[in-house]
Amino acid sequence: MDNTFEDENEQTLTMDEYLNKLEAEELEADLILGGDEGKECTYNAGYMKRQAIFSCLTCTPDGNAGVCTACSLSCHDGHQIVELWTKRNFRCDCGNSKFGELFCKLLPLKDVENEKNSYNQNFKGSYCTCSRPYPDPEVEEQEEMIQCIICEDWFHEEHLGLQSSNEIPRDEEGEPLYEDFICKTCSANCSFLTLYPQTIWAVGAQSSDSTANTSKDKTVLEDSPSACGSGKLENGACSHGSEKDNTMVSDDNGVVSVAKASAIGETSEKNINSNQSTKDANVQATCVLGADVVSLSPVRESKPLFLAKNWRDTLCKCDKCLDMYNQKCMSYLLDKEDSIAEYEEMAKGKREQKLEQQEGAELSFLNNLGHIEKMEILTGIADFEEEFRTFLGSRDSSQTITSSDVRQIFDNLKKKRRRME
């Protein structure tokens, strides 16, 4: 690796820092790819709950197709690829009708089209409400972006619809205190979440009127378009209980208050644990939110939502709520494995297992060698350490190590081995 710098003041790395940097980069890649080594096309796995997806603008410039990690490496090497991070309920498109005469090298026989796949502007390389690419060639310093868990688009902090980025829940070091984020547009279709206790929201810098007011403005948007799944638009409204039980009182400003709203926070956690259906342990017999506490009325203004850790555990699973999730194409909200946090935990587990297997294979290889082979390996390691120490001792510590220096070290080792032979 050539570490020659034009600027003498540019920071250099020690060997430990360099190795730690490599380790961090490998871990980041594993977290994004979900531990997928990119050896097999994921098509046969069907519509996977979550996987890393790529868009090839060389083959599908309209941004109407996505391919898995393996196909991005094997079938689209050298193409203009857009990294989309992860998408839910997606099946690899590589080689289907959208790719013309190009067939998948890994699995040539595929359906003409994956009808359940959905696509948003990300597949064209555009993000956020500003529809800019990432990285943006017109911006010197790339801004941090946040992904909405509903539409799965990415947003610049300044385009979230907040008065200030200080409203984003963070700790003193600037690390996010929220587990998931829902964008301003999608929050309209998820306004039923405001009926839950404040424990569902990330505690921190989020504006008080977007959390505290949830105890009095119990409103649900009716017939408001919002992104559903990975790009499809869905209209719908949530009704927790029969129409005759809904109590609605409007003031002069059009704000809707709901009867017994203050009781929600006290009873919801108890109902989650106790009201289980006898037929299905995951389905509650009684709505957590109460059959007479919800009223339907248009919301004047939707706001981005920041959700606390384990917020999905709070969601009601009664029959009416389950039906509402299905109508809105949001059943995945009840699935913890859908979350990015669970996806990354799975990736970490795969990484640890892979490292253990590698260490086991190396140890097994060494144990299977004879005494002479083992001594040769140990001697080679000792020779390298000695040559490297000699090299470092002959140089000024302020000098950088170049690729030619590394080649010289190995050339010296070869010459030493020839003399010994």
Protein backbone atom coordinates (compact mmCIF):
# COMPACT_ATOMS: atom_id res chain seq x y z
CA MET A 1 0.00 0.00 0.00
CA ASP A 2 1.48 3.34 -1.09
CA ASN A 3 1.29 5.87 1.74
CA THR A 4 3.24 8.62 -0.06
CA PHE A 5 1.55 11.95 0.67
CA GLU A 6 1.94 15.24 -1.17
CA ASP A 7 1.07 17.06 2.03
CA GLU A 8 3.68 16.43 4.72
CA ASN A 9 1.14 17.37 7.40
CA GLU A 10 -1.37 14.74 6.32
CA GLN A 11 -2.10 12.20 9.04
CA THR A 12 -0.36 8.82 8.90
CA LEU A 13 -1.52 5.58 10.51
CA THR A 14 0.32 3.20 12.78
CA MET A 15 0.10 -0.52 12.01
CA ASP A 16 -2.43 -1.04 14.83
CA GLU A 17 -4.55 1.87 13.61
CA TYR A 18 -4.47 0.52 10.06
CA LEU A 19 -5.51 -2.98 11.17
CA ASN A 20 -8.30 -1.55 13.34
CA LYS A 21 -9.47 0.51 10.37
CA LEU A 22 -9.59 -2.59 8.18
CA GLU A 23 -11.51 -4.47 10.87
CA ALA A 24 -14.07 -1.64 11.12
CA GLU A 25 -14.51 -1.54 7.34
CA GLU A 26 -15.00 -5.30 7.16
CA LEU A 27 -17.58 -5.16 9.96
CA GLU A 28 -19.44 -2.31 8.25
CA ALA A 29 -19.55 -4.29 5.00
CA ASP A 30 -20.87 -7.36 6.83
CA LEU A 31 -23.58 -5.28 8.52
CA ILE A 32 -24.74 -3.85 5.19
CA LEU A 33 -24.60 -7.17 3.34
CA GLY A 34 -26.13 -9.10 6.21
CA GLY A 35 -23.19 -11.50 6.26
CA ASP A 36 -23.83 -12.45 2.60
CA GLU A 37 -20.50 -13.41 1.02
CA GLY A 38 -21.91 -12.90 -2.47
CA LYS A 39 -21.37 -16.45 -3.71
CA GLU A 40 -24.95 -17.46 -4.52
CA CYS A 41 -27.91 -15.62 -6.05
CA THR A 42 -30.70 -15.22 -3.48
CA TYR A 43 -33.50 -15.71 -6.05
CA ASN A 44 -34.42 -19.20 -4.81
CA ALA A 45 -34.92 -17.76 -1.31
CA GLY A 46 -37.93 -15.88 -2.67
CA TYR A 47 -39.03 -12.51 -1.32
CA MET A 48 -36.60 -12.20 1.54
CA LYS A 49 -37.56 -10.25 4.65
CA ARG A 50 -34.50 -8.05 4.22
CA GLN A 51 -31.37 -8.19 2.09
CA ALA A 52 -28.79 -5.94 0.46
CA ILE A 53 -29.97 -4.84 -3.00
CA PHE A 54 -28.21 -3.08 -5.89
CA SER A 55 -29.55 -1.30 -8.96
CA CYS A 56 -27.66 -1.53 -12.27
CA LEU A 57 -28.19 1.67 -14.24
CA THR A 58 -26.16 0.23 -17.13
CA CYS A 59 -28.72 -2.54 -17.68
CA THR A 60 -31.87 -0.88 -16.31
CA PRO A 61 -31.47 2.92 -16.55
CA ASP A 62 -35.16 3.38 -15.67
CA GLY A 63 -34.42 2.11 -12.18
CA ASN A 64 -37.09 -0.58 -12.30
CA ALA A 65 -35.03 -3.57 -11.16
CA GLY A 66 -32.76 -4.69 -8.34
CA VAL A 67 -30.16 -7.43 -7.98
CA CYS A 68 -28.64 -9.28 -5.01
CA THR A 69 -25.03 -9.05 -3.84
CA ALA A 70 -23.83 -12.11 -5.76
CA CYS A 71 -25.34 -10.93 -9.05
CA SER A 72 -23.94 -7.43 -8.61
CA LEU A 73 -20.48 -9.03 -8.45
CA SER A 74 -20.85 -11.80 -11.01
CA CYS A 75 -23.25 -10.41 -13.61
CA HIS A 76 -22.76 -6.64 -13.36
CA ASP A 77 -19.05 -6.24 -12.69
CA GLY A 78 -17.84 -2.97 -14.23
CA HIS A 79 -21.39 -1.61 -14.64
CA GLN A 80 -22.83 1.56 -13.12
CA ILE A 81 -24.11 0.17 -9.83
CA VAL A 82 -26.20 1.95 -7.20
CA GLU A 83 -25.86 0.57 -3.68
CA LEU A 84 -29.29 0.61 -2.04
CA TRP A 85 -28.26 -0.83 1.36
CA THR A 86 -31.22 -3.05 2.29
CA LYS A 87 -34.77 -3.55 1.00
CA ARG A 88 -37.57 -5.63 2.47
CA ASN A 89 -39.65 -8.32 0.76
CA PHE A 90 -37.51 -8.23 -2.37
CA ARG A 91 -36.54 -10.94 -4.85
CA CYS A 92 -33.52 -10.70 -7.15
CA ASP A 93 -34.48 -9.44 -10.64
CA CYS A 94 -31.17 -10.20 -12.35
CA GLY A 95 -31.67 -11.66 -15.82
CA ASN A 96 -35.47 -11.36 -15.99
CA SER A 97 -37.42 -9.56 -18.71
CA LYS A 98 -36.26 -6.13 -17.49
CA PHE A 99 -32.69 -6.92 -18.52
CA GLY A 100 -33.34 -7.60 -22.20
CA GLU A 101 -30.94 -10.19 -23.61
CA LEU A 102 -28.78 -10.30 -20.48
CA PHE A 103 -29.21 -13.55 -18.54
CA CYS A 104 -28.17 -14.18 -14.96
CA LYS A 105 -24.88 -16.09 -14.88
CA LEU A 106 -25.72 -17.71 -11.54
CA LEU A 107 -29.41 -18.66 -12.11
CA PRO A 108 -30.46 -18.25 -15.74
CA LEU A 109 -33.99 -19.65 -15.31
CA LYS A 110 -36.12 -17.06 -13.54
CA ASP A 111 -39.66 -15.74 -13.74
CA VAL A 112 -40.29 -13.05 -16.32
CA GLU A 113 -40.95 -10.55 -13.54
CA ASN A 114 -41.11 -10.44 -9.74
CA GLU A 115 -44.59 -8.99 -9.35
CA LYS A 116 -44.33 -8.43 -5.59
CA ASN A 117 -41.19 -6.30 -5.87
CA SER A 118 -41.63 -2.55 -5.47
CA TYR A 119 -39.24 0.23 -6.46
CA ASN A 120 -38.73 3.81 -5.36
CA GLN A 121 -36.55 6.63 -6.65
CA ASN A 122 -33.49 5.08 -4.96
CA PHE A 123 -33.28 2.56 -7.80
CA LYS A 124 -32.54 5.51 -10.13
CA GLY A 125 -29.86 6.79 -7.78
CA SER A 126 -32.01 9.58 -6.30
CA TYR A 127 -32.76 10.16 -2.64
CA CYS A 128 -34.66 12.42 -0.26
CA THR A 129 -37.30 15.03 -1.13
CA CYS A 130 -34.59 16.85 -3.09
CA SER A 131 -34.07 13.80 -5.36
CA ARG A 132 -30.31 14.23 -5.31
CA PRO A 133 -27.77 11.39 -5.82
CA TYR A 134 -25.56 10.03 -3.05
CA PRO A 135 -22.76 10.83 -2.91
CA ASP A 136 -23.73 14.18 -4.40
CA PRO A 137 -21.05 15.36 -6.86
CA GLU A 138 -22.07 18.98 -6.29
CA VAL A 139 -21.53 18.83 -2.53
CA GLU A 140 -18.06 18.97 -1.04
CA GLU A 141 -18.98 17.41 2.32
CA GLN A 142 -21.66 14.70 2.20
CA GLU A 143 -24.48 15.15 4.71
CA GLU A 144 -25.69 12.39 6.98
CA MET A 145 -28.88 10.74 5.76
CA ILE A 146 -31.63 8.85 7.64
CA GLN A 147 -33.72 6.00 6.21
CA CYS A 148 -37.48 5.87 6.68
CA ILE A 149 -38.61 2.39 7.75
CA ILE A 150 -41.84 2.67 5.72
CA CYS A 151 -40.90 3.94 2.24
CA GLU A 152 -37.21 3.02 2.80
CA ASP A 153 -36.07 6.24 1.12
CA TRP A 154 -33.15 8.19 2.58
CA PHE A 155 -33.41 11.81 3.75
CA HIS A 156 -31.00 14.63 4.50
CA GLU A 157 -31.43 15.92 8.02
CA GLU A 158 -32.26 19.41 6.74
CA HIS A 159 -35.11 17.98 4.63
CA LEU A 160 -36.90 16.04 7.37
CA GLY A 161 -39.46 18.78 7.91
CA LEU A 162 -38.09 19.79 11.31
CA GLN A 163 -37.50 23.34 12.48
CA SER A 164 -34.00 22.33 13.55
CA SER A 165 -31.78 19.24 13.41
CA ASN A 166 -31.60 19.58 17.21
CA GLU A 167 -35.06 18.00 17.27
CA ILE A 168 -33.51 14.68 16.25
CA PRO A 169 -33.12 12.60 19.43
CA ARG A 170 -29.39 12.25 20.11
CA ASP A 171 -27.17 11.81 23.12
CA GLU A 172 -24.51 14.27 24.23
CA GLU A 173 -22.01 12.76 21.80
CA GLY A 174 -24.37 13.11 18.87
CA GLU A 175 -25.25 9.42 18.61
CA PRO A 176 -28.91 8.66 17.72
CA LEU A 177 -31.22 7.74 20.58
CA TYR A 178 -33.94 6.43 18.27
CA GLU A 179 -34.20 2.95 16.80
CA ASP A 180 -36.35 3.78 13.77
CA PHE A 181 -37.46 6.83 11.83
CA ILE A 182 -40.64 7.50 9.83
CA CYS A 183 -40.57 10.36 7.34
CA LYS A 184 -43.08 13.21 7.29
CA THR A 185 -45.06 11.79 4.37
CA CYS A 186 -45.29 8.25 5.73
CA SER A 187 -46.13 9.44 9.23
CA ALA A 188 -49.55 10.50 7.94
CA ASN A 189 -50.39 6.90 7.14
CA CYS A 190 -48.90 5.81 10.47
CA SER A 191 -50.69 8.39 12.61
CA PHE A 192 -52.30 5.54 14.56
CA LEU A 193 -48.93 5.35 16.35
CA THR A 194 -49.73 8.64 18.13
CA LEU A 195 -52.39 6.75 20.10
CA TYR A 196 -49.74 4.82 22.01
CA PRO A 197 -48.09 5.96 25.27
CA GLN A 198 -45.14 8.32 25.09
CA THR A 199 -42.78 5.44 25.86
CA ILE A 200 -42.95 4.54 22.16
CA TRP A 201 -41.09 7.74 21.23
CA ALA A 202 -37.36 8.24 21.46
CA VAL A 203 -36.57 10.44 24.45
CA GLY A 204 -34.29 13.33 23.67
CA ALA A 205 -34.37 16.42 21.52
CA GLN A 206 -37.57 15.65 19.63
CA SER A 207 -39.91 18.63 19.83
CA SER A 208 -42.37 18.54 22.69
CA ASP A 209 -45.41 19.13 20.51
CA SER A 210 -44.68 15.99 18.47
CA THR A 211 -44.65 13.75 21.54
CA ALA A 212 -46.39 15.44 24.44
CA ASN A 213 -49.37 16.37 22.31
CA THR A 214 -49.92 12.76 21.33
CA SER A 215 -51.83 12.35 24.59
CA LYS A 216 -54.44 14.90 23.51
CA ASP A 217 -54.43 14.94 19.70
CA LYS A 218 -55.62 11.39 19.13
CA THR A 219 -56.20 11.64 15.40
CA VAL A 220 -55.84 9.25 12.51
CA LEU A 221 -55.48 10.35 8.91
CA GLU A 222 -58.17 9.13 6.57
CA ASP A 223 -57.49 8.56 2.86
CA SER A 224 -54.03 10.11 3.00
CA PRO A 225 -51.49 8.76 0.47
CA SER A 226 -48.23 7.46 1.87
CA ALA A 227 -45.45 5.15 0.81
CA CYS A 228 -46.10 1.52 1.66
CA GLY A 229 -43.46 -1.19 1.75
CA SER A 230 -40.50 -0.37 -0.49
CA GLY A 231 -42.12 2.27 -2.67
CA LYS A 232 -45.76 1.37 -3.34
CA LEU A 233 -48.36 3.95 -2.38
CA GLU A 234 -51.20 2.90 -0.15
CA ASN A 235 -54.29 4.72 1.11
CA GLY A 236 -56.06 3.69 4.25
CA ALA A 237 -57.33 4.51 7.72
CA CYS A 238 -57.25 2.71 11.05
CA SER A 239 -60.33 2.08 13.13
CA HIS A 240 -59.77 0.45 16.52
CA GLY A 241 -63.32 -0.54 17.42
CA SER A 242 -66.84 -0.15 16.05
CA GLU A 243 -68.13 3.15 14.67
CA LYS A 244 -70.78 3.48 17.37
CA ASP A 245 -68.10 3.38 20.08
CA ASN A 246 -66.03 6.22 18.60
CA THR A 247 -66.41 9.45 20.59
CA MET A 248 -65.38 12.63 18.79
CA VAL A 249 -65.27 16.20 20.12
CA SER A 250 -63.94 19.08 18.01
CA ASP A 251 -62.98 22.53 19.22
CA ASP A 252 -63.06 25.77 17.22
CA ASN A 253 -59.60 25.06 15.80
CA GLY A 254 -60.62 21.70 14.41
CA VAL A 255 -58.53 19.73 16.94
CA VAL A 256 -60.10 16.40 17.81
CA SER A 257 -59.95 15.14 21.40
CA VAL A 258 -60.82 11.59 22.32
CA ALA A 259 -62.66 10.21 25.32
CA LYS A 260 -60.63 8.26 27.82
CA ALA A 261 -57.36 9.17 26.07
CA SER A 262 -55.57 9.59 29.36
CA ALA A 263 -56.26 5.97 30.23
CA ILE A 264 -54.32 4.61 27.25
CA GLY A 265 -50.89 4.98 28.81
CA GLU A 266 -52.03 3.27 31.99
CA THR A 267 -53.73 0.28 30.39
CA SER A 268 -51.83 -0.45 27.18
CA GLU A 269 -48.85 -2.24 28.71
CA LYS A 270 -51.14 -4.34 30.92
CA ASN A 271 -53.34 -5.30 27.97
CA ILE A 272 -50.35 -6.25 25.82
CA ASN A 273 -49.31 -8.86 28.37
CA SER A 274 -52.75 -10.13 29.38
CA ASN A 275 -55.15 -9.96 26.44
CA GLN A 276 -53.93 -12.91 24.40
CA SER A 277 -56.20 -14.86 22.09
CA THR A 278 -56.81 -18.51 23.02
CA LYS A 279 -56.37 -19.44 19.36
CA ASP A 280 -53.18 -17.55 18.66
CA ALA A 281 -50.70 -16.38 21.31
CA ASN A 282 -49.66 -13.49 19.06
CA VAL A 283 -53.18 -12.11 18.64
CA GLN A 284 -54.87 -10.10 21.39
CA ALA A 285 -58.59 -10.48 22.10
CA THR A 286 -59.06 -6.83 23.08
CA CYS A 287 -57.62 -3.77 21.41
CA VAL A 288 -54.82 -2.29 23.51
CA LEU A 289 -55.98 1.20 22.59
CA GLY A 290 -59.55 0.58 23.78
CA ALA A 291 -62.67 0.10 21.66
CA ASP A 292 -64.07 3.56 22.40
CA VAL A 293 -61.03 5.83 22.35
CA VAL A 294 -60.28 6.28 18.65
CA SER A 295 -61.92 8.72 16.29
CA LEU A 296 -61.19 9.27 12.63
CA SER A 297 -60.44 12.78 11.47
CA PRO A 298 -57.97 14.32 9.00
CA VAL A 299 -54.71 15.46 10.56
CA ARG A 300 -53.81 19.02 9.68
CA GLU A 301 -50.06 18.47 9.64
CA SER A 302 -47.97 15.31 9.71
CA LYS A 303 -44.53 15.24 11.31
CA PRO A 304 -41.55 12.90 11.18
CA LEU A 305 -41.54 10.29 13.92
CA PHE A 306 -38.58 8.98 15.92
CA LEU A 307 -39.28 5.66 17.63
CA ALA A 308 -37.63 4.28 20.75
CA LYS A 309 -35.88 0.94 21.15
CA ASN A 310 -38.22 -2.08 21.14
CA TRP A 311 -41.18 0.10 20.13
CA ARG A 312 -42.59 -2.74 18.02
CA ASP A 313 -43.26 -4.74 21.19
CA THR A 314 -45.85 -2.14 22.19
CA LEU A 315 -47.96 -2.47 19.03
CA CYS A 316 -51.46 -3.87 19.45
CA LYS A 317 -52.10 -7.28 17.90
CA CYS A 318 -55.89 -7.51 18.17
CA ASP A 319 -57.88 -8.71 15.16
CA LYS A 320 -58.93 -5.21 14.12
CA CYS A 321 -55.39 -3.85 14.33
CA LEU A 322 -54.02 -6.84 12.40
CA ASP A 323 -56.60 -6.16 9.70
CA MET A 324 -55.56 -2.51 9.63
CA TYR A 325 -51.87 -3.45 9.23
CA ASN A 326 -52.80 -5.75 6.34
CA GLN A 327 -54.86 -3.08 4.60
CA LYS A 328 -51.99 -0.61 4.88
CA CYS A 329 -49.40 -3.23 3.78
CA MET A 330 -47.64 -2.72 7.10
CA SER A 331 -47.74 -6.16 8.69
CA TYR A 332 -43.94 -6.06 8.74
CA LEU A 333 -44.13 -3.56 11.61
CA LEU A 334 -45.04 -6.48 13.88
CA ASP A 335 -42.02 -8.50 12.75
CA LYS A 336 -38.91 -7.76 14.81
CA GLU A 337 -36.76 -9.44 12.17
CA ASP A 338 -37.78 -6.66 9.78
CA SER A 339 -35.87 -4.07 11.79
CA ILE A 340 -32.39 -2.91 10.81
CA ALA A 341 -31.24 -3.61 14.37
CA GLU A 342 -32.22 -7.29 14.07
CA TYR A 343 -30.71 -7.46 10.57
CA GLU A 344 -27.39 -6.17 11.90
CA GLU A 345 -27.47 -8.53 14.88
CA MET A 346 -27.97 -11.42 12.45
CA ALA A 347 -25.02 -10.14 10.40
CA LYS A 348 -22.82 -9.94 13.51
CA GLY A 349 -23.73 -13.52 14.38
CA LYS A 350 -22.79 -14.72 10.90
CA ARG A 351 -19.52 -12.80 11.07
CA GLU A 352 -18.56 -14.32 14.44
CA GLN A 353 -19.43 -17.78 13.15
CA LYS A 354 -17.34 -17.23 10.02
CA LEU A 355 -14.33 -16.05 12.04
CA GLU A 356 -14.63 -19.05 14.35
CA GLN A 357 -14.74 -21.38 11.35
CA GLN A 358 -11.67 -19.71 9.87
CA GLU A 359 -9.76 -20.00 13.13
CA GLY A 360 -10.83 -23.63 13.42
CA ALA A 361 -9.74 -24.37 9.85
CA GLU A 362 -6.36 -22.72 10.41
CA LEU A 363 -5.82 -24.62 13.65
CA SER A 364 -6.88 -27.88 12.02
CA PHE A 365 -4.51 -27.23 9.11
CA LEU A 366 -1.62 -26.60 11.47
CA ASN A 367 -2.38 -29.67 13.59
CA ASN A 368 -2.43 -31.88 10.49
CA LEU A 369 1.07 -30.83 9.47
CA GLY A 370 4.13 -32.86 10.33
CA HIS A 371 6.88 -31.65 12.63
CA ILE A 372 9.11 -30.46 9.77
CA GLU A 373 6.32 -28.45 8.10
CA LYS A 374 5.40 -26.81 11.41
CA MET A 375 9.04 -25.82 12.02
CA GLU A 376 9.30 -24.32 8.54
CA ILE A 377 6.24 -22.16 9.16
CA LEU A 378 7.50 -21.00 12.54
CA THR A 379 10.93 -20.27 11.05
CA GLY A 380 9.33 -18.26 8.23
CA ILE A 381 7.37 -16.16 10.74
CA ALA A 382 10.50 -15.55 12.80
CA ASP A 383 12.49 -14.54 9.69
CA PHE A 384 9.79 -12.05 8.67
CA GLU A 385 9.68 -10.49 12.16
CA GLU A 386 13.46 -10.13 12.19
CA GLU A 387 13.56 -8.60 8.68
CA PHE A 388 10.75 -6.20 9.53
CA ARG A 389 12.45 -5.07 12.75
CA THR A 390 15.69 -4.54 10.84
CA PHE A 391 13.85 -2.48 8.26
CA LEU A 392 12.16 -0.29 10.88
CA GLY A 393 15.42 0.19 12.73
CA SER A 394 17.12 1.52 9.60
CA ARG A 395 14.51 4.20 8.91
CA ASP A 396 13.45 7.49 10.41
CA SER A 397 10.18 6.99 12.29
CA SER A 398 8.73 10.06 10.53
CA GLN A 399 9.07 8.41 7.11
CA THR A 400 6.10 6.65 5.56
CA ILE A 401 6.20 3.06 4.32
CA THR A 402 5.63 2.71 0.59
CA SER A 403 4.68 -0.27 -1.54
CA SER A 404 8.27 -0.44 -2.84
CA ASP A 405 9.48 -0.74 0.77
CA VAL A 406 7.20 -3.73 1.33
CA ARG A 407 8.41 -5.38 -1.87
CA GLN A 408 12.02 -4.83 -0.74
CA ILE A 409 11.31 -6.62 2.56
CA PHE A 410 10.03 -9.70 0.76
CA ASP A 411 12.89 -9.59 -1.77
CA ASN A 412 15.35 -9.64 1.14
CA LEU A 413 13.53 -12.65 2.63
CA LYS A 414 13.75 -14.50 -0.71
CA LYS A 415 17.48 -13.81 -0.98
CA LYS A 416 18.01 -15.01 2.59
CA ARG A 417 16.09 -18.23 1.86
CA ARG A 418 18.19 -18.90 -1.28
CA ARG A 419 21.42 -18.48 0.68
CA MET A 420 20.18 -20.97 3.27
CA GLU A 421 19.30 -23.50 0.56
